[in-house]
PDB file of N, CA and C in Angstrom:
ATOM      1  N   MET A   1     -45.727  36.595 -25.460  1.00  0.00           N
ATOM      2  CA  MET A   1     -45.773  35.725 -24.299  1.00  0.00           C
ATOM      3  C   MET A   1     -46.263  34.323 -24.675  1.00  0.00           C
ATOM      4  N   LEU A   2     -47.225  34.271 -25.576  1.00  0.00           N
ATOM      5  CA  LEU A   2     -47.759  32.975 -25.965  1.00  0.00           C
ATOM      6  C   LEU A   2     -46.683  32.100 -26.607  1.00  0.00           C
ATOM      7  N   ALA A   3     -45.834  32.702 -27.417  1.00  0.00           N
ATOM      8  CA  ALA A   3     -44.767  31.941 -28.068  1.00  0.00           C
ATOM      9  C   ALA A   3     -43.804  31.351 -27.037  1.00  0.00           C
ATOM     10  N   TYR A   4     -43.444  32.125 -26.022  1.00  0.00           N
ATOM     11  CA  TYR A   4     -42.557  31.618 -24.968  1.00  0.00           C
ATOM     12  C   TYR A   4     -43.233  30.492 -24.184  1.00  0.00           C
ATOM     13  N   TYR A   5     -44.519  30.645 -23.935  1.00  0.00           N
ATOM     14  CA  TYR A   5     -45.282  29.628 -23.222  1.00  0.00           C
ATOM     15  C   TYR A   5     -45.294  28.318 -24.017  1.00  0.00           C
ATOM     16  N   LEU A   6     -45.585  28.423 -25.320  1.00  0.00           N
ATOM     17  CA  LEU A   6     -45.605  27.229 -26.163  1.00  0.00           C
ATOM     18  C   LEU A   6     -44.221  26.588 -26.269  1.00  0.00           C
ATOM     19  N   GLU A   7     -43.204  27.420 -26.418  1.00  0.00           N
ATOM     20  CA  GLU A   7     -41.841  26.900 -26.514  1.00  0.00           C
ATOM     21  C   GLU A   7     -41.453  26.146 -25.249  1.00  0.00           C
ATOM     22  N   ARG A   8     -41.801  26.694 -24.108  1.00  0.00           N
ATOM     23  CA  ARG A   8     -41.475  26.050 -22.827  1.00  0.00           C
ATOM     24  C   ARG A   8     -42.139  24.678 -22.717  1.00  0.00           C
ATOM     25  N   HIS A   9     -43.420  24.615 -23.084  1.00  0.00           N
ATOM     26  CA  HIS A   9     -44.129  23.347 -22.986  1.00  0.00           C
ATOM     27  C   HIS A   9     -43.647  22.338 -24.031  1.00  0.00           C
ATOM     28  N   MET A  10     -43.304  22.808 -25.217  1.00  0.00           N
ATOM     29  CA  MET A  10     -42.784  21.885 -26.229  1.00  0.00           C
ATOM     30  C   MET A  10     -41.423  21.349 -25.819  1.00  0.00           C
ATOM     31  N   LYS A  11     -40.571  22.198 -25.265  1.00  0.00           N
ATOM     32  CA  LYS A  11     -39.269  21.717 -24.790  1.00  0.00           C
ATOM     33  C   LYS A  11     -39.447  20.681 -23.687  1.00  0.00           C
ATOM     34  N   GLN A  12     -40.410  20.904 -22.826  1.00  0.00           N
ATOM     35  CA  GLN A  12     -40.656  19.959 -21.744  1.00  0.00           C
ATOM     36  C   GLN A  12     -41.185  18.635 -22.295  1.00  0.00           C
ATOM     37  N   ALA A  13     -42.090  18.696 -23.271  1.00  0.00           N
ATOM     38  CA  ALA A  13     -42.651  17.473 -23.847  1.00  0.00           C
ATOM     39  C   ALA A  13     -41.624  16.713 -24.686  1.00  0.00           C
ATOM     40  N   TRP A  14     -40.746  17.452 -25.363  1.00  0.00           N
ATOM     41  CA  TRP A  14     -39.761  16.843 -26.259  1.00  0.00           C
ATOM     42  C   TRP A  14     -38.425  16.575 -25.589  1.00  0.00           C
ATOM     43  N   ARG A  15     -38.365  16.531 -24.283  1.00  0.00           N
ATOM     44  CA  ARG A  15     -37.093  16.278 -23.588  1.00  0.00           C
ATOM     45  C   ARG A  15     -36.375  15.052 -24.112  1.00  0.00           C
ATOM     46  N   GLN A  16     -37.120  14.021 -24.455  1.00  0.00           N
ATOM     47  CA  GLN A  16     -36.503  12.790 -24.947  1.00  0.00           C
ATOM     48  C   GLN A  16     -35.813  13.009 -26.293  1.00  0.00           C
ATOM     49  N   LEU A  17     -36.349  13.905 -27.119  1.00  0.00           N
ATOM     50  CA  LEU A  17     -35.796  14.148 -28.451  1.00  0.00           C
ATOM     51  C   LEU A  17     -34.665  15.168 -28.456  1.00  0.00           C
ATOM     52  N   LEU A  18     -34.654  16.059 -27.460  1.00  0.00           N
ATOM     53  CA  LEU A  18     -33.722  17.180 -27.444  1.00  0.00           C
ATOM     54  C   LEU A  18     -32.497  16.882 -26.583  1.00  0.00           C
ATOM     55  N   PHE A  19     -31.536  17.789 -26.619  1.00  0.00           N
ATOM     56  CA  PHE A  19     -30.322  17.657 -25.822  1.00  0.00           C
ATOM     57  C   PHE A  19     -30.567  17.969 -24.340  1.00  0.00           C
ATOM     58  N   SER A  20     -31.773  18.310 -23.961  1.00  0.00           N
ATOM     59  CA  SER A  20     -32.045  18.688 -22.575  1.00  0.00           C
ATOM     60  C   SER A  20     -32.011  17.480 -21.641  1.00  0.00           C
ATOM     61  N   ASP A  21     -31.824  17.770 -20.360  1.00  0.00           N
ATOM     62  CA  ASP A  21     -31.745  16.752 -19.319  1.00  0.00           C
ATOM     63  C   ASP A  21     -33.141  16.203 -19.059  1.00  0.00           C
ATOM     64  N   GLU A  22     -33.317  14.889 -19.146  1.00  0.00           N
ATOM     65  CA  GLU A  22     -34.630  14.278 -18.938  1.00  0.00           C
ATOM     66  C   GLU A  22     -35.006  14.183 -17.466  1.00  0.00           C
ATOM     67  N   SER A  23     -34.025  14.212 -16.589  1.00  0.00           N
ATOM     68  CA  SER A  23     -34.311  14.112 -15.157  1.00  0.00           C
ATOM     69  C   SER A  23     -33.530  15.182 -14.393  1.00  0.00           C
ATOM     70  N   PRO A  24     -33.937  16.447 -14.495  1.00  0.00           N
ATOM     71  CA  PRO A  24     -33.213  17.497 -13.772  1.00  0.00           C
ATOM     72  C   PRO A  24     -33.441  17.381 -12.268  1.00  0.00           C
ATOM     73  N   GLU A  25     -32.529  17.962 -11.512  1.00  0.00           N
ATOM     74  CA  GLU A  25     -32.656  17.934 -10.051  1.00  0.00           C
ATOM     75  C   GLU A  25     -33.900  18.706  -9.632  1.00  0.00           C
ATOM     76  N   GLN A  26     -34.727  18.100  -8.804  1.00  0.00           N
ATOM     77  CA  GLN A  26     -35.965  18.737  -8.368  1.00  0.00           C
ATOM     78  C   GLN A  26     -35.758  19.667  -7.179  1.00  0.00           C
ATOM     79  N   ASP A  27     -34.865  19.311  -6.283  1.00  0.00           N
ATOM     80  CA  ASP A  27     -34.683  20.085  -5.053  1.00  0.00           C
ATOM     81  C   ASP A  27     -33.350  20.820  -5.034  1.00  0.00           C
ATOM     82  N   ARG A  28     -32.934  21.334  -6.174  1.00  0.00           N
ATOM     83  CA  ARG A  28     -31.641  22.009  -6.243  1.00  0.00           C
ATOM     84  C   ARG A  28     -31.759  23.443  -5.758  1.00  0.00           C
ATOM     85  N   ASP A  29     -30.625  23.992  -5.351  1.00  0.00           N
ATOM     86  CA  ASP A  29     -30.545  25.377  -4.910  1.00  0.00           C
ATOM     87  C   ASP A  29     -30.694  26.276  -6.141  1.00  0.00           C
ATOM     88  N   PRO A  30     -31.663  27.210  -6.166  1.00  0.00           N
ATOM     89  CA  PRO A  30     -31.874  28.028  -7.355  1.00  0.00           C
ATOM     90  C   PRO A  30     -30.717  28.983  -7.655  1.00  0.00           C
ATOM     91  N   VAL A  31     -29.874  29.242  -6.680  1.00  0.00           N
ATOM     92  CA  VAL A  31     -28.750  30.155  -6.876  1.00  0.00           C
ATOM     93  C   VAL A  31     -27.515  29.412  -7.378  1.00  0.00           C
ATOM     94  N   ALA A  32     -27.376  28.155  -6.991  1.00  0.00           N
ATOM     95  CA  ALA A  32     -26.206  27.363  -7.386  1.00  0.00           C
ATOM     96  C   ALA A  32     -26.285  27.001  -8.867  1.00  0.00           C
ATOM     97  N   PRO A  33     -25.132  26.837  -9.513  1.00  0.00           N
ATOM     98  CA  PRO A  33     -25.149  26.431 -10.915  1.00  0.00           C
ATOM     99  C   PRO A  33     -25.792  25.051 -11.079  1.00  0.00           C
ATOM    100  N   ALA A  34     -26.527  24.886 -12.144  1.00  0.00           N
ATOM    101  CA  ALA A  34     -27.183  23.600 -12.401  1.00  0.00           C
ATOM    102  C   ALA A  34     -26.146  22.556 -12.790  1.00  0.00           C
ATOM    103  N   ARG A  35     -26.356  21.327 -12.328  1.00  0.00           N
ATOM    104  CA  ARG A  35     -25.488  20.214 -12.694  1.00  0.00           C
ATOM    105  C   ARG A  35     -26.279  19.257 -13.572  1.00  0.00           C
ATOM    106  N   ARG A  36     -25.645  18.801 -14.627  1.00  0.00           N
ATOM    107  CA  ARG A  36     -26.293  17.856 -15.523  1.00  0.00           C
ATOM    108  C   ARG A  36     -26.156  16.442 -14.978  1.00  0.00           C
ATOM    109  N   SER A  37     -27.160  15.629 -15.230  1.00  0.00           N
ATOM    110  CA  SER A  37     -27.099  14.243 -14.802  1.00  0.00           C
ATOM    111  C   SER A  37     -26.149  13.463 -15.708  1.00  0.00           C
ATOM    112  N   GLU A  38     -25.732  12.291 -15.254  1.00  0.00           N
ATOM    113  CA  GLU A  38     -24.854  11.436 -16.056  1.00  0.00           C
ATOM    114  C   GLU A  38     -25.549  11.037 -17.358  1.00  0.00           C
ATOM    115  N   GLN A  39     -26.850  10.822 -17.272  1.00  0.00           N
ATOM    116  CA  GLN A  39     -27.625  10.455 -18.451  1.00  0.00           C
ATOM    117  C   GLN A  39     -27.579  11.583 -19.498  1.00  0.00           C
ATOM    118  N   ALA A  40     -27.691  12.834 -19.069  1.00  0.00           N
ATOM    119  CA  ALA A  40     -27.649  13.974 -19.991  1.00  0.00           C
ATOM    120  C   ALA A  40     -26.256  14.148 -20.589  1.00  0.00           C
ATOM    121  N   ILE A  41     -25.232  13.912 -19.794  1.00  0.00           N
ATOM    122  CA  ILE A  41     -23.864  14.014 -20.297  1.00  0.00           C
ATOM    123  C   ILE A  41     -23.618  12.946 -21.352  1.00  0.00           C
ATOM    124  N   GLU A  42     -24.092  11.735 -21.104  1.00  0.00           N
ATOM    125  CA  GLU A  42     -23.946  10.647 -22.071  1.00  0.00           C
ATOM    126  C   GLU A  42     -24.726  10.945 -23.352  1.00  0.00           C
ATOM    127  N   LYS A  43     -25.914  11.500 -23.213  1.00  0.00           N
ATOM    128  CA  LYS A  43     -26.728  11.870 -24.362  1.00  0.00           C
ATOM    129  C   LYS A  43     -26.012  12.907 -25.226  1.00  0.00           C
ATOM    130  N   ALA A  44     -25.402  13.907 -24.607  1.00  0.00           N
ATOM    131  CA  ALA A  44     -24.677  14.943 -25.341  1.00  0.00           C
ATOM    132  C   ALA A  44     -23.408  14.385 -25.985  1.00  0.00           C
ATOM    133  N   ARG A  45     -22.766  13.448 -25.308  1.00  0.00           N
ATOM    134  CA  ARG A  45     -21.525  12.885 -25.829  1.00  0.00           C
ATOM    135  C   ARG A  45     -21.782  12.012 -27.059  1.00  0.00           C
ATOM    136  N   THR A  46     -22.781  11.141 -26.975  1.00  0.00           N
ATOM    137  CA  THR A  46     -23.061  10.207 -28.070  1.00  0.00           C
ATOM    138  C   THR A  46     -23.989  10.784 -29.127  1.00  0.00           C
ATOM    139  N   LYS A  47     -24.705  11.862 -28.776  1.00  0.00           N
ATOM    140  CA  LYS A  47     -25.703  12.473 -29.665  1.00  0.00           C
ATOM    141  C   LYS A  47     -26.784  11.468 -30.059  1.00  0.00           C
ATOM    142  N   ARG A  48     -27.095  10.582 -29.113  1.00  0.00           N
ATOM    143  CA  ARG A  48     -28.135   9.558 -29.293  1.00  0.00           C
ATOM    144  C   ARG A  48     -28.980   9.467 -28.025  1.00  0.00           C
ATOM    145  N   THR A  49     -30.256   9.140 -28.182  1.00  0.00           N
ATOM    146  CA  THR A  49     -31.110   8.902 -27.025  1.00  0.00           C
ATOM    147  C   THR A  49     -30.827   7.507 -26.495  1.00  0.00           C
ATOM    148  N   GLN A  50     -31.482   7.145 -25.400  1.00  0.00           N
ATOM    149  CA  GLN A  50     -31.258   5.823 -24.818  1.00  0.00           C
ATOM    150  C   GLN A  50     -31.700   4.705 -25.750  1.00  0.00           C
ATOM    151  N   ASP A  51     -32.713   4.974 -26.588  1.00  0.00           N
ATOM    152  CA  ASP A  51     -33.166   3.948 -27.524  1.00  0.00           C
ATOM    153  C   ASP A  51     -32.453   4.017 -28.875  1.00  0.00           C
ATOM    154  N   GLY A  52     -31.376   4.823 -28.975  1.00  0.00           N
ATOM    155  CA  GLY A  52     -30.538   4.850 -30.166  1.00  0.00           C
ATOM    156  C   GLY A  52     -30.913   5.849 -31.240  1.00  0.00           C
ATOM    157  N   ARG A  53     -31.944   6.636 -31.010  1.00  0.00           N
ATOM    158  CA  ARG A  53     -32.338   7.641 -32.008  1.00  0.00           C
ATOM    159  C   ARG A  53     -31.448   8.869 -31.891  1.00  0.00           C
ATOM    160  N   PRO A  54     -31.287   9.632 -32.985  1.00  0.00           N
ATOM    161  CA  PRO A  54     -30.467  10.850 -32.908  1.00  0.00           C
ATOM    162  C   PRO A  54     -31.142  11.925 -32.056  1.00  0.00           C
ATOM    163  N   VAL A  55     -30.326  12.734 -31.390  1.00  0.00           N
ATOM    164  CA  VAL A  55     -30.815  13.834 -30.549  1.00  0.00           C
ATOM    165  C   VAL A  55     -30.855  15.097 -31.404  1.00  0.00           C
ATOM    166  N   HIS A  56     -31.809  15.983 -31.125  1.00  0.00           N
ATOM    167  CA  HIS A  56     -32.031  17.168 -31.945  1.00  0.00           C
ATOM    168  C   HIS A  56     -32.028  18.440 -31.103  1.00  0.00           C
ATOM    169  N   SER A  57     -31.884  19.575 -31.790  1.00  0.00           N
ATOM    170  CA  SER A  57     -32.156  20.867 -31.164  1.00  0.00           C
ATOM    171  C   SER A  57     -33.654  21.135 -31.346  1.00  0.00           C
ATOM    172  N   LEU A  58     -34.173  22.188 -30.756  1.00  0.00           N
ATOM    173  CA  LEU A  58     -35.608  22.470 -30.866  1.00  0.00           C
ATOM    174  C   LEU A  58     -36.008  22.764 -32.306  1.00  0.00           C
ATOM    175  N   ALA A  59     -35.147  23.395 -33.070  1.00  0.00           N
ATOM    176  CA  ALA A  59     -35.486  23.794 -34.440  1.00  0.00           C
ATOM    177  C   ALA A  59     -35.675  22.596 -35.376  1.00  0.00           C
ATOM    178  N   THR A  60     -34.959  21.503 -35.141  1.00  0.00           N
ATOM    179  CA  THR A  60     -35.024  20.360 -36.053  1.00  0.00           C
ATOM    180  C   THR A  60     -36.406  19.712 -36.096  1.00  0.00           C
ATOM    181  N   PRO A  61     -37.016  19.325 -34.962  1.00  0.00           N
ATOM    182  CA  PRO A  61     -38.363  18.746 -35.051  1.00  0.00           C
ATOM    183  C   PRO A  61     -39.393  19.741 -35.581  1.00  0.00           C
ATOM    184  N   LEU A  62     -39.242  21.030 -35.244  1.00  0.00           N
ATOM    185  CA  LEU A  62     -40.182  22.028 -35.754  1.00  0.00           C
ATOM    186  C   LEU A  62     -40.098  22.124 -37.271  1.00  0.00           C
ATOM    187  N   ALA A  63     -38.891  22.176 -37.806  1.00  0.00           N
ATOM    188  CA  ALA A  63     -38.723  22.242 -39.258  1.00  0.00           C
ATOM    189  C   ALA A  63     -39.220  20.960 -39.919  1.00  0.00           C
ATOM    190  N   ASN A  64     -39.005  19.846 -39.256  1.00  0.00           N
ATOM    191  CA  ASN A  64     -39.458  18.573 -39.785  1.00  0.00           C
ATOM    192  C   ASN A  64     -40.979  18.495 -39.811  1.00  0.00           C
ATOM    193  N   LEU A  65     -41.641  18.998 -38.771  1.00  0.00           N
ATOM    194  CA  LEU A  65     -43.109  18.992 -38.734  1.00  0.00           C
ATOM    195  C   LEU A  65     -43.702  19.912 -39.801  1.00  0.00           C
ATOM    196  N   ALA A  66     -42.963  20.930 -40.202  1.00  0.00           N
ATOM    197  CA  ALA A  66     -43.461  21.871 -41.208  1.00  0.00           C
ATOM    198  C   ALA A  66     -43.592  21.225 -42.584  1.00  0.00           C
ATOM    199  N   THR A  67     -43.026  20.046 -42.783  1.00  0.00           N
ATOM    200  CA  THR A  67     -43.110  19.385 -44.081  1.00  0.00           C
ATOM    201  C   THR A  67     -44.360  18.529 -44.229  1.00  0.00           C
ATOM    202  N   ILE A  68     -45.166  18.396 -43.189  1.00  0.00           N
ATOM    203  CA  ILE A  68     -46.419  17.648 -43.295  1.00  0.00           C
ATOM    204  C   ILE A  68     -47.414  18.516 -44.061  1.00  0.00           C
ATOM    205  N   THR A  69     -48.002  17.950 -45.106  1.00  0.00           N
ATOM    206  CA  THR A  69     -48.929  18.723 -45.931  1.00  0.00           C
ATOM    207  C   THR A  69     -50.261  18.016 -46.097  1.00  0.00           C
ATOM    208  N   LYS A  70     -51.260  18.818 -46.427  1.00  0.00           N
ATOM    209  CA  LYS A  70     -52.596  18.324 -46.756  1.00  0.00           C
ATOM    210  C   LYS A  70     -52.912  18.857 -48.146  1.00  0.00           C
ATOM    211  N   SER A  71     -53.153  17.965 -49.090  1.00  0.00           N
ATOM    212  CA  SER A  71     -53.420  18.367 -50.472  1.00  0.00           C
ATOM    213  C   SER A  71     -54.824  17.933 -50.875  1.00  0.00           C
ATOM    214  N   THR A  72     -55.590  18.857 -51.443  1.00  0.00           N
ATOM    215  CA  THR A  72     -56.898  18.531 -51.998  1.00  0.00           C
ATOM    216  C   THR A  72     -56.716  18.314 -53.493  1.00  0.00           C
ATOM    217  N   CYS A  73     -57.096  17.151 -53.963  1.00  0.00           N
ATOM    218  CA  CYS A  73     -56.862  16.770 -55.353  1.00  0.00           C
ATOM    219  C   CYS A  73     -58.193  16.489 -56.049  1.00  0.00           C
ATOM    220  N   ARG A  74     -58.162  16.591 -57.364  1.00  0.00           N
ATOM    221  CA  ARG A  74     -59.338  16.285 -58.180  1.00  0.00           C
ATOM    222  C   ARG A  74     -58.902  15.318 -59.276  1.00  0.00           C
ATOM    223  N   ARG A  75     -59.726  14.310 -59.511  1.00  0.00           N
ATOM    224  CA  ARG A  75     -59.428  13.371 -60.585  1.00  0.00           C
ATOM    225  C   ARG A  75     -59.432  14.094 -61.920  1.00  0.00           C
ATOM    226  N   TYR A  76     -58.539  13.709 -62.786  1.00  0.00           N
ATOM    227  CA  TYR A  76     -58.435  14.343 -64.098  1.00  0.00           C
ATOM    228  C   TYR A  76     -59.735  14.153 -64.880  1.00  0.00           C
ATOM    229  N   GLY A  77     -60.260  15.232 -65.398  1.00  0.00           N
ATOM    230  CA  GLY A  77     -61.462  15.187 -66.220  1.00  0.00           C
ATOM    231  C   GLY A  77     -62.761  15.169 -65.435  1.00  0.00           C
ATOM    232  N   ALA A  78     -62.706  15.070 -64.132  1.00  0.00           N
ATOM    233  CA  ALA A  78     -63.921  15.027 -63.313  1.00  0.00           C
ATOM    234  C   ALA A  78     -64.404  16.444 -63.027  1.00  0.00           C
ATOM    235  N   VAL A  79     -65.709  16.634 -63.031  1.00  0.00           N
ATOM    236  CA  VAL A  79     -66.265  17.956 -62.759  1.00  0.00           C
ATOM    237  C   VAL A  79     -67.092  17.969 -61.479  1.00  0.00           C
ATOM    238  N   ALA A  80     -67.511  16.830 -61.012  1.00  0.00           N
ATOM    239  CA  ALA A  80     -68.360  16.753 -59.820  1.00  0.00           C
ATOM    240  C   ALA A  80     -67.541  16.964 -58.553  1.00  0.00           C
ATOM    241  N   GLN A  81     -68.205  17.471 -57.534  1.00  0.00           N
ATOM    242  CA  GLN A  81     -67.550  17.708 -56.244  1.00  0.00           C
ATOM    243  C   GLN A  81     -67.064  16.407 -55.619  1.00  0.00           C
ATOM    244  N   GLU A  82     -67.754  15.277 -55.888  1.00  0.00           N
ATOM    245  CA  GLU A  82     -67.338  14.009 -55.277  1.00  0.00           C
ATOM    246  C   GLU A  82     -66.036  13.481 -55.862  1.00  0.00           C
ATOM    247  N   ALA A  83     -65.551  14.079 -56.924  1.00  0.00           N
ATOM    248  CA  ALA A  83     -64.273  13.663 -57.500  1.00  0.00           C
ATOM    249  C   ALA A  83     -63.093  14.198 -56.696  1.00  0.00           C
ATOM    250  N   LEU A  84     -63.367  15.047 -55.704  1.00  0.00           N
ATOM    251  CA  LEU A  84     -62.306  15.579 -54.851  1.00  0.00           C
ATOM    252  C   LEU A  84     -61.879  14.552 -53.816  1.00  0.00           C
ATOM    253  N   PHE A  85     -60.604  14.532 -53.519  1.00  0.00           N
ATOM    254  CA  PHE A  85     -60.109  13.699 -52.424  1.00  0.00           C
ATOM    255  C   PHE A  85     -58.923  14.408 -51.782  1.00  0.00           C
ATOM    256  N   ILE A  86     -58.645  14.045 -50.543  1.00  0.00           N
ATOM    257  CA  ILE A  86     -57.600  14.708 -49.764  1.00  0.00           C
ATOM    258  C   ILE A  86     -56.461  13.725 -49.506  1.00  0.00           C
ATOM    259  N   LEU A  87     -55.238  14.211 -49.691  1.00  0.00           N
ATOM    260  CA  LEU A  87     -54.044  13.414 -49.408  1.00  0.00           C
ATOM    261  C   LEU A  87     -53.217  14.104 -48.334  1.00  0.00           C
ATOM    262  N   PHE A  88     -52.774  13.346 -47.354  1.00  0.00           N
ATOM    263  CA  PHE A  88     -51.849  13.831 -46.331  1.00  0.00           C
ATOM    264  C   PHE A  88     -50.508  13.145 -46.552  1.00  0.00           C
ATOM    265  N   THR A  89     -49.423  13.864 -46.291  1.00  0.00           N
ATOM    266  CA  THR A  89     -48.122  13.207 -46.362  1.00  0.00           C
ATOM    267  C   THR A  89     -48.003  12.236 -45.195  1.00  0.00           C
ATOM    268  N   LYS A  90     -47.270  11.159 -45.421  1.00  0.00           N
ATOM    269  CA  LYS A  90     -47.067  10.173 -44.361  1.00  0.00           C
ATOM    270  C   LYS A  90     -45.979  10.698 -43.423  1.00  0.00           C
ATOM    271  N   PRO A  91     -46.264  10.786 -42.123  1.00  0.00           N
ATOM    272  CA  PRO A  91     -45.255  11.299 -41.186  1.00  0.00           C
ATOM    273  C   PRO A  91     -44.053  10.366 -41.066  1.00  0.00           C
ATOM    274  N   SER A  92     -42.887  10.968 -40.945  1.00  0.00           N
ATOM    275  CA  SER A  92     -41.660  10.208 -40.712  1.00  0.00           C
ATOM    276  C   SER A  92     -41.661   9.716 -39.259  1.00  0.00           C
ATOM    277  N   PRO A  93     -40.768   8.801 -38.904  1.00  0.00           N
ATOM    278  CA  PRO A  93     -40.712   8.341 -37.506  1.00  0.00           C
ATOM    279  C   PRO A  93     -40.474   9.499 -36.517  1.00  0.00           C
ATOM    280  N   LEU A  94     -39.638  10.472 -36.886  1.00  0.00           N
ATOM    281  CA  LEU A  94     -39.411  11.625 -36.014  1.00  0.00           C
ATOM    282  C   LEU A  94     -40.684  12.445 -35.859  1.00  0.00           C
ATOM    283  N   GLN A  95     -41.403  12.655 -36.958  1.00  0.00           N
ATOM    284  CA  GLN A  95     -42.649  13.414 -36.897  1.00  0.00           C
ATOM    285  C   GLN A  95     -43.688  12.693 -36.044  1.00  0.00           C
ATOM    286  N   GLU A  96     -43.790  11.375 -36.206  1.00  0.00           N
ATOM    287  CA  GLU A  96     -44.750  10.606 -35.409  1.00  0.00           C
ATOM    288  C   GLU A  96     -44.439  10.716 -33.918  1.00  0.00           C
ATOM    289  N   ARG A  97     -43.166  10.584 -33.564  1.00  0.00           N
ATOM    290  CA  ARG A  97     -42.760  10.663 -32.159  1.00  0.00           C
ATOM    291  C   ARG A  97     -42.988  12.062 -31.600  1.00  0.00           C
ATOM    292  N   ALA A  98     -42.649  13.097 -32.386  1.00  0.00           N
ATOM    293  CA  ALA A  98     -42.845  14.474 -31.942  1.00  0.00           C
ATOM    294  C   ALA A  98     -44.328  14.776 -31.721  1.00  0.00           C
ATOM    295  N   LEU A  99     -45.178  14.338 -32.632  1.00  0.00           N
ATOM    296  CA  LEU A  99     -46.621  14.560 -32.472  1.00  0.00           C
ATOM    297  C   LEU A  99     -47.173  13.780 -31.285  1.00  0.00           C
ATOM    298  N   GLU A 100     -46.673  12.586 -31.084  1.00  0.00           N
ATOM    299  CA  GLU A 100     -47.093  11.773 -29.932  1.00  0.00           C
ATOM    300  C   GLU A 100     -46.742  12.485 -28.621  1.00  0.00           C
ATOM    301  N   LEU A 101     -45.546  13.027 -28.547  1.00  0.00           N
ATOM    302  CA  LEU A 101     -45.103  13.728 -27.334  1.00  0.00           C
ATOM    303  C   LEU A 101     -45.854  15.049 -27.156  1.00  0.00           C
ATOM    304  N   ILE A 102     -46.188  15.736 -28.246  1.00  0.00           N
ATOM    305  CA  ILE A 102     -46.974  16.969 -28.140  1.00  0.00           C
ATOM    306  C   ILE A 102     -48.346  16.650 -27.555  1.00  0.00           C
ATOM    307  N   GLY A 103     -48.872  15.489 -27.874  1.00  0.00           N
ATOM    308  CA  GLY A 103     -50.169  15.088 -27.333  1.00  0.00           C
ATOM    309  C   GLY A 103     -50.182  14.928 -25.830  1.00  0.00           C
ATOM    310  N   THR A 104     -49.020  14.829 -25.208  1.00  0.00           N
ATOM    311  CA  THR A 104     -48.956  14.685 -23.744  1.00  0.00           C
ATOM    312  C   THR A 104     -48.917  16.024 -23.032  1.00  0.00           C
ATOM    313  N   ILE A 105     -48.854  17.152 -23.751  1.00  0.00           N
ATOM    314  CA  ILE A 105     -48.712  18.465 -23.118  1.00  0.00           C
ATOM    315  C   ILE A 105     -49.874  18.775 -22.189  1.00  0.00           C
ATOM    316  N   ASP A 106     -51.103  18.516 -22.616  1.00  0.00           N
ATOM    317  CA  ASP A 106     -52.242  18.853 -21.759  1.00  0.00           C
ATOM    318  C   ASP A 106     -52.329  17.965 -20.531  1.00  0.00           C
ATOM    319  N   LYS A 107     -51.601  16.870 -20.502  1.00  0.00           N
ATOM    320  CA  LYS A 107     -51.630  15.954 -19.367  1.00  0.00           C
ATOM    321  C   LYS A 107     -50.535  16.263 -18.346  1.00  0.00           C
ATOM    322  N   MET A 108     -49.709  17.268 -18.631  1.00  0.00           N
ATOM    323  CA  MET A 108     -48.599  17.592 -17.726  1.00  0.00           C
ATOM    324  C   MET A 108     -49.075  18.376 -16.536  1.00  0.00           C
TER     325      MET A 108
END
């Protein structure tokens, strides 16, 4: 259940990055088939967001975020604990945007 809960909230936060409709109908009939907005149809047709970035499926940002690493390194020949330092990979623009949008989940 937790995985479905997290997936639902991530899809909602990442609407701008994904093929999903950013402005779904709020007062639609739950029995009637859902209709996509013109904006969502255009997004699917061009495979680009309104600001020109590529659109992704849910798996793409998740796989991209999995490449962020934290490495603990030691200077060559050093024996003291203070010779340790930590390196993080620099996030790509997609990773930065995805993390920024994930930060809005608790505010929803």
